[in-house]
Amino acid sequence: MPASEPTIVAASTGFASRRRGPYDAQPGPVFDLMGELAEAGDAPRICYLNQAVGDQPTAYTVFYGAFAGTRFRPSHLALFPMPNVEDIRTHLLAQDIIWVGGGSVANLCAVWRVHGLPDILHECWQAGVVLGGISAGSICWHLGGATDSYGPTLRPFTEGLGWLPYGNGVHYDGESQRRPLMHRLVGDGTLPTSYCTDDGVGLVYRGTRLAEAVADREGAAAYRVTRETDGGVRETRIEPRLLTGQSR
């Protein structure tokens, strides 16, 4: 059964390391949450899109390894050097969850547009497939945000899909450039009201409405950044609901 209304989980969280090696991860509790939001039952179908790092093979190795032995039924859509499935639309519409990995949001959105993914993903969203992702996979659904797509000094990105009519800041407490740049971009009007997440935090949107923030660690938070009439910026902390457990 699809989600009862269009749903996106935009996050600065996802997989967690099992500490057994660089490629040994486990899915964090955000995936169980997405399965619940998708009303997917006992065996949610989840498809991984990893174009933000050019379909790097090791990322798919981590993905399949993480979900091995769980109730989730994983698949992936690669676009390099060509699509790995014959009918992209049919494959994606058959999913309960579509998860987008981190990397370059600028490259991600450009490649998606070449392959017609925005229209297909929008159809999935409206049909009740729960969309989500981390970092670039969070910013992409919004109008834009702060990105390292162009180099180690963060720059504004304003070519997101824009279904969520806000800016988005990720890794808000993890990288020192993030908060001041998001404040500047909202203050000068480059981005509208923006929602930002500390590492470990996700934003749950129902339609285009922020329904709640969730977290997989204590002390982390989400934030609403708005422009004041005098050009100043107001940041309001949003306390998240703490998720527990790991995906099974």
Protein backbone atom coordinates (compact mmCIF):
# COMPACT_ATOMS: atom_id res chain seq x y z
CA MET A 1 0.00 0.00 0.00
CA PRO A 2 1.50 3.41 -0.93
CA ALA A 3 1.89 6.29 1.48
CA SER A 4 -1.38 8.07 2.21
CA GLU A 5 0.03 11.37 0.97
CA PRO A 6 3.19 12.46 -0.89
CA THR A 7 6.12 12.05 1.50
CA ILE A 8 9.79 13.05 1.48
CA VAL A 9 12.35 12.37 4.22
CA ALA A 10 15.24 14.83 3.73
CA ALA A 11 18.09 13.91 6.02
CA SER A 12 21.59 14.28 7.36
CA THR A 13 21.45 10.66 8.44
CA GLY A 14 21.15 7.23 6.88
CA PHE A 15 23.55 4.32 7.31
CA ALA A 16 25.65 3.70 10.39
CA SER A 17 29.04 2.00 10.55
CA ARG A 18 29.32 -1.40 12.20
CA ARG A 19 33.01 -0.49 12.83
CA ARG A 20 34.23 -3.64 11.09
CA GLY A 21 35.69 -1.87 8.07
CA PRO A 22 35.07 1.04 5.68
CA TYR A 23 32.41 -0.82 3.68
CA ASP A 24 30.54 -2.45 6.56
CA ALA A 25 27.41 -0.47 7.41
CA GLN A 26 23.95 -1.02 8.76
CA PRO A 27 20.78 0.90 7.96
CA GLY A 28 19.81 3.41 10.62
CA PRO A 29 16.30 3.78 12.08
CA VAL A 30 15.32 6.33 9.42
CA PHE A 31 14.73 3.41 7.05
CA ASP A 32 12.22 1.75 9.37
CA LEU A 33 10.49 5.12 9.62
CA MET A 34 10.30 5.36 5.83
CA GLY A 35 8.89 1.85 5.64
CA GLU A 36 6.16 2.87 8.08
CA LEU A 37 5.41 6.07 6.17
CA ALA A 38 5.18 4.05 2.95
CA GLU A 39 2.73 1.65 4.64
CA ALA A 40 4.87 -1.03 3.04
CA GLY A 41 4.17 -3.99 5.29
CA ASP A 42 6.73 -6.65 6.16
CA ALA A 43 8.98 -6.43 3.08
CA PRO A 44 9.50 -2.84 1.89
CA ARG A 45 11.02 -2.45 -1.56
CA ILE A 46 13.82 0.13 -1.50
CA CYS A 47 15.73 1.43 -4.53
CA TYR A 48 19.05 3.26 -4.20
CA LEU A 49 20.02 6.13 -6.53
CA ASN A 50 23.68 7.04 -6.28
CA GLN A 51 24.31 9.45 -9.17
CA ALA A 52 25.69 12.09 -6.77
CA VAL A 53 28.97 10.13 -6.85
CA GLY A 54 28.63 8.89 -10.40
CA ASP A 55 27.20 5.47 -9.47
CA GLN A 56 30.37 4.57 -7.56
CA PRO A 57 30.38 0.75 -7.30
CA THR A 58 31.58 0.63 -3.69
CA ALA A 59 28.51 2.59 -2.60
CA TYR A 60 26.26 -0.11 -4.02
CA THR A 61 28.37 -2.75 -2.27
CA VAL A 62 27.73 -0.96 1.04
CA PHE A 63 24.02 -0.61 0.27
CA TYR A 64 23.41 -4.28 -0.50
CA GLY A 65 25.61 -5.40 2.37
CA ALA A 66 23.73 -3.18 4.80
CA PHE A 67 20.34 -4.60 3.84
CA ALA A 68 21.45 -8.24 3.61
CA GLY A 69 19.43 -10.32 6.05
CA THR A 70 16.91 -7.54 6.75
CA ARG A 71 13.24 -7.42 5.82
CA PHE A 72 13.95 -4.87 3.08
CA ARG A 73 14.06 -5.86 -0.60
CA PRO A 74 16.85 -3.72 -2.10
CA SER A 75 17.50 -2.73 -5.71
CA HIS A 76 19.32 0.13 -7.39
CA LEU A 77 19.07 2.38 -10.42
CA ALA A 78 22.39 3.22 -12.06
CA LEU A 79 22.69 5.68 -14.97
CA PHE A 80 26.44 5.30 -15.67
CA PRO A 81 27.42 4.28 -18.30
CA MET A 82 23.78 3.54 -19.16
CA PRO A 83 20.66 2.63 -17.16
CA ASN A 84 20.83 -0.80 -15.57
CA VAL A 85 17.08 -1.38 -15.93
CA GLU A 86 15.14 -1.45 -19.18
CA ASP A 87 12.21 0.66 -17.99
CA ILE A 88 13.19 3.26 -15.37
CA ARG A 89 9.65 4.49 -14.78
CA THR A 90 8.19 1.03 -14.20
CA HIS A 91 11.04 0.06 -11.86
CA LEU A 92 10.78 3.17 -9.71
CA LEU A 93 6.98 3.15 -9.50
CA ALA A 94 7.18 -0.43 -8.18
CA GLN A 95 9.17 0.71 -5.11
CA ASP A 96 7.97 1.61 -1.63
CA ILE A 97 11.05 3.75 -0.88
CA ILE A 98 13.55 5.55 -3.10
CA TRP A 99 16.75 6.55 -1.28
CA VAL A 100 19.27 9.01 -2.77
CA GLY A 101 22.88 9.01 -1.62
CA GLY A 102 25.15 11.96 -0.91
CA GLY A 103 27.83 13.59 -3.04
CA SER A 104 27.51 16.38 -5.59
CA VAL A 105 23.95 17.74 -5.70
CA ALA A 106 24.82 19.83 -8.78
CA ASN A 107 25.94 16.77 -10.73
CA LEU A 108 23.06 14.71 -9.37
CA CYS A 109 20.37 17.10 -10.61
CA ALA A 110 22.10 17.63 -13.96
CA VAL A 111 22.33 13.89 -14.68
CA TRP A 112 18.74 13.32 -13.58
CA ARG A 113 17.51 16.02 -15.95
CA VAL A 114 19.37 14.48 -18.91
CA HIS A 115 17.61 11.17 -18.24
CA GLY A 116 14.15 12.59 -17.49
CA LEU A 117 14.24 11.51 -13.85
CA PRO A 118 12.54 14.62 -12.40
CA ASP A 119 9.22 13.83 -14.10
CA ILE A 120 9.44 10.14 -13.15
CA LEU A 121 10.37 10.85 -9.54
CA HIS A 122 7.61 13.44 -9.24
CA GLU A 123 5.13 10.82 -10.45
CA CYS A 124 6.50 8.39 -7.85
CA TRP A 125 6.15 11.01 -5.12
CA GLN A 126 2.54 11.72 -6.06
CA ALA A 127 1.80 7.99 -6.28
CA GLY A 128 2.87 7.38 -2.67
CA VAL A 129 6.43 6.14 -3.06
CA VAL A 130 8.36 7.63 -0.13
CA LEU A 131 11.35 9.61 -1.38
CA GLY A 132 14.35 10.38 0.74
CA GLY A 133 18.07 10.79 0.94
CA ILE A 134 21.07 12.15 2.74
CA SER A 135 23.04 15.34 2.04
CA ALA A 136 22.81 15.85 -1.76
CA GLY A 137 19.90 13.41 -1.54
CA SER A 138 18.23 15.86 0.85
CA ILE A 139 18.98 19.17 -0.86
CA CYS A 140 17.82 17.93 -4.29
CA TRP A 141 14.10 17.96 -3.41
CA HIS A 142 14.29 21.61 -2.28
CA LEU A 143 14.99 24.83 -4.19
CA GLY A 144 18.64 24.65 -3.15
CA GLY A 145 21.14 24.95 -0.34
CA ALA A 146 24.81 25.18 0.51
CA THR A 147 27.01 22.72 -1.40
CA ASP A 148 30.60 21.60 -1.88
CA SER A 149 29.73 20.49 -5.45
CA TYR A 150 32.08 23.15 -6.83
CA GLY A 151 34.99 22.76 -4.43
CA PRO A 152 35.91 22.68 -0.72
CA THR A 153 34.66 26.23 -0.17
CA LEU A 154 30.89 25.98 0.06
CA ARG A 155 28.82 27.82 -2.54
CA PRO A 156 25.10 28.36 -3.13
CA PHE A 157 23.12 25.87 -5.20
CA THR A 158 19.75 27.03 -6.53
CA GLU A 159 18.90 24.45 -9.20
CA GLY A 160 17.17 21.84 -7.04
CA LEU A 161 13.95 20.15 -8.15
CA GLY A 162 12.03 22.64 -6.01
CA TRP A 163 9.06 20.46 -5.09
CA LEU A 164 9.69 21.54 -1.50
CA PRO A 165 9.61 25.36 -1.76
CA TYR A 166 12.37 25.98 0.78
CA GLY A 167 16.13 26.03 1.07
CA ASN A 168 17.83 23.12 2.79
CA GLY A 169 20.96 23.03 4.91
CA VAL A 170 22.62 19.69 5.70
CA HIS A 171 25.41 18.67 8.13
CA TYR A 172 24.56 21.85 9.99
CA ASP A 173 26.64 21.05 13.06
CA GLY A 174 29.28 18.99 11.25
CA GLU A 175 30.99 21.55 9.01
CA SER A 176 31.81 25.08 10.12
CA GLN A 177 30.91 26.75 6.80
CA ARG A 178 27.34 25.43 6.72
CA ARG A 179 25.48 27.63 9.22
CA PRO A 180 26.96 31.02 8.26
CA LEU A 181 26.44 30.41 4.53
CA MET A 182 22.83 29.35 5.00
CA HIS A 183 22.24 32.48 7.09
CA ARG A 184 23.76 34.64 4.36
CA LEU A 185 21.77 32.98 1.57
CA VAL A 186 18.49 33.44 3.42
CA GLY A 187 19.39 36.95 4.53
CA ASP A 188 20.22 38.19 1.03
CA GLY A 189 17.22 36.47 -0.57
CA THR A 190 19.19 33.88 -2.56
CA LEU A 191 17.15 31.22 -0.74
CA PRO A 192 13.73 31.52 0.90
CA THR A 193 12.87 30.19 4.35
CA SER A 194 15.12 27.16 4.86
CA TYR A 195 15.08 24.02 6.96
CA CYS A 196 18.42 22.69 8.19
CA THR A 197 19.53 19.49 9.90
CA ASP A 198 22.35 18.56 12.24
CA ASP A 199 24.06 15.25 11.52
CA GLY A 200 21.72 12.49 12.68
CA VAL A 201 18.53 14.43 11.90
CA GLY A 202 15.90 14.13 9.19
CA LEU A 203 12.93 16.23 8.06
CA VAL A 204 9.62 14.51 7.28
CA TYR A 205 7.52 16.38 4.73
CA ARG A 206 3.93 15.41 4.02
CA GLY A 207 3.09 17.11 0.77
CA THR A 208 5.06 20.34 1.04
CA ARG A 209 4.37 20.71 4.77
CA LEU A 210 7.08 19.95 7.34
CA ALA A 211 5.33 17.37 9.51
CA GLU A 212 8.14 16.67 11.98
CA ALA A 213 11.86 16.37 12.54
CA VAL A 214 13.36 13.06 13.67
CA ALA A 215 16.79 12.11 15.00
CA ASP A 216 18.85 9.01 15.65
CA ARG A 217 21.00 10.64 18.34
CA GLU A 218 20.30 12.82 21.34
CA GLY A 219 21.19 16.50 21.31
CA ALA A 220 20.90 17.00 17.55
CA ALA A 221 18.21 19.24 16.11
CA ALA A 222 16.63 20.78 13.04
CA TYR A 223 16.31 24.51 12.41
CA ARG A 224 14.04 26.93 10.57
CA VAL A 225 15.95 29.89 9.14
CA THR A 226 13.87 32.90 8.08
CA ARG A 227 14.56 36.39 6.79
CA GLU A 228 13.42 39.31 8.92
CA THR A 229 11.94 42.48 7.43
CA ASP A 230 15.14 44.39 8.19
CA GLY A 231 17.25 41.84 6.29
CA GLY A 232 18.38 40.05 9.41
CA VAL A 233 18.00 36.32 9.93
CA ARG A 234 16.13 34.39 12.61
CA GLU A 235 17.04 30.77 13.41
CA THR A 236 14.47 28.73 15.32
CA ARG A 237 15.41 25.35 16.79
CA ILE A 238 13.05 22.45 16.04
CA GLU A 239 13.29 19.62 18.56
CA PRO A 240 13.20 16.24 16.79
CA ARG A 241 11.49 13.04 17.81
CA LEU A 242 14.11 10.50 18.79
CA LEU A 243 14.09 7.30 16.71
CA THR A 244 15.30 4.08 18.28
CA GLY A 245 16.63 0.78 16.99
CA GLN A 246 18.10 -0.27 13.65
CA SER A 247 16.36 -1.51 10.52
CA ARG A 248 15.70 -5.24 10.58
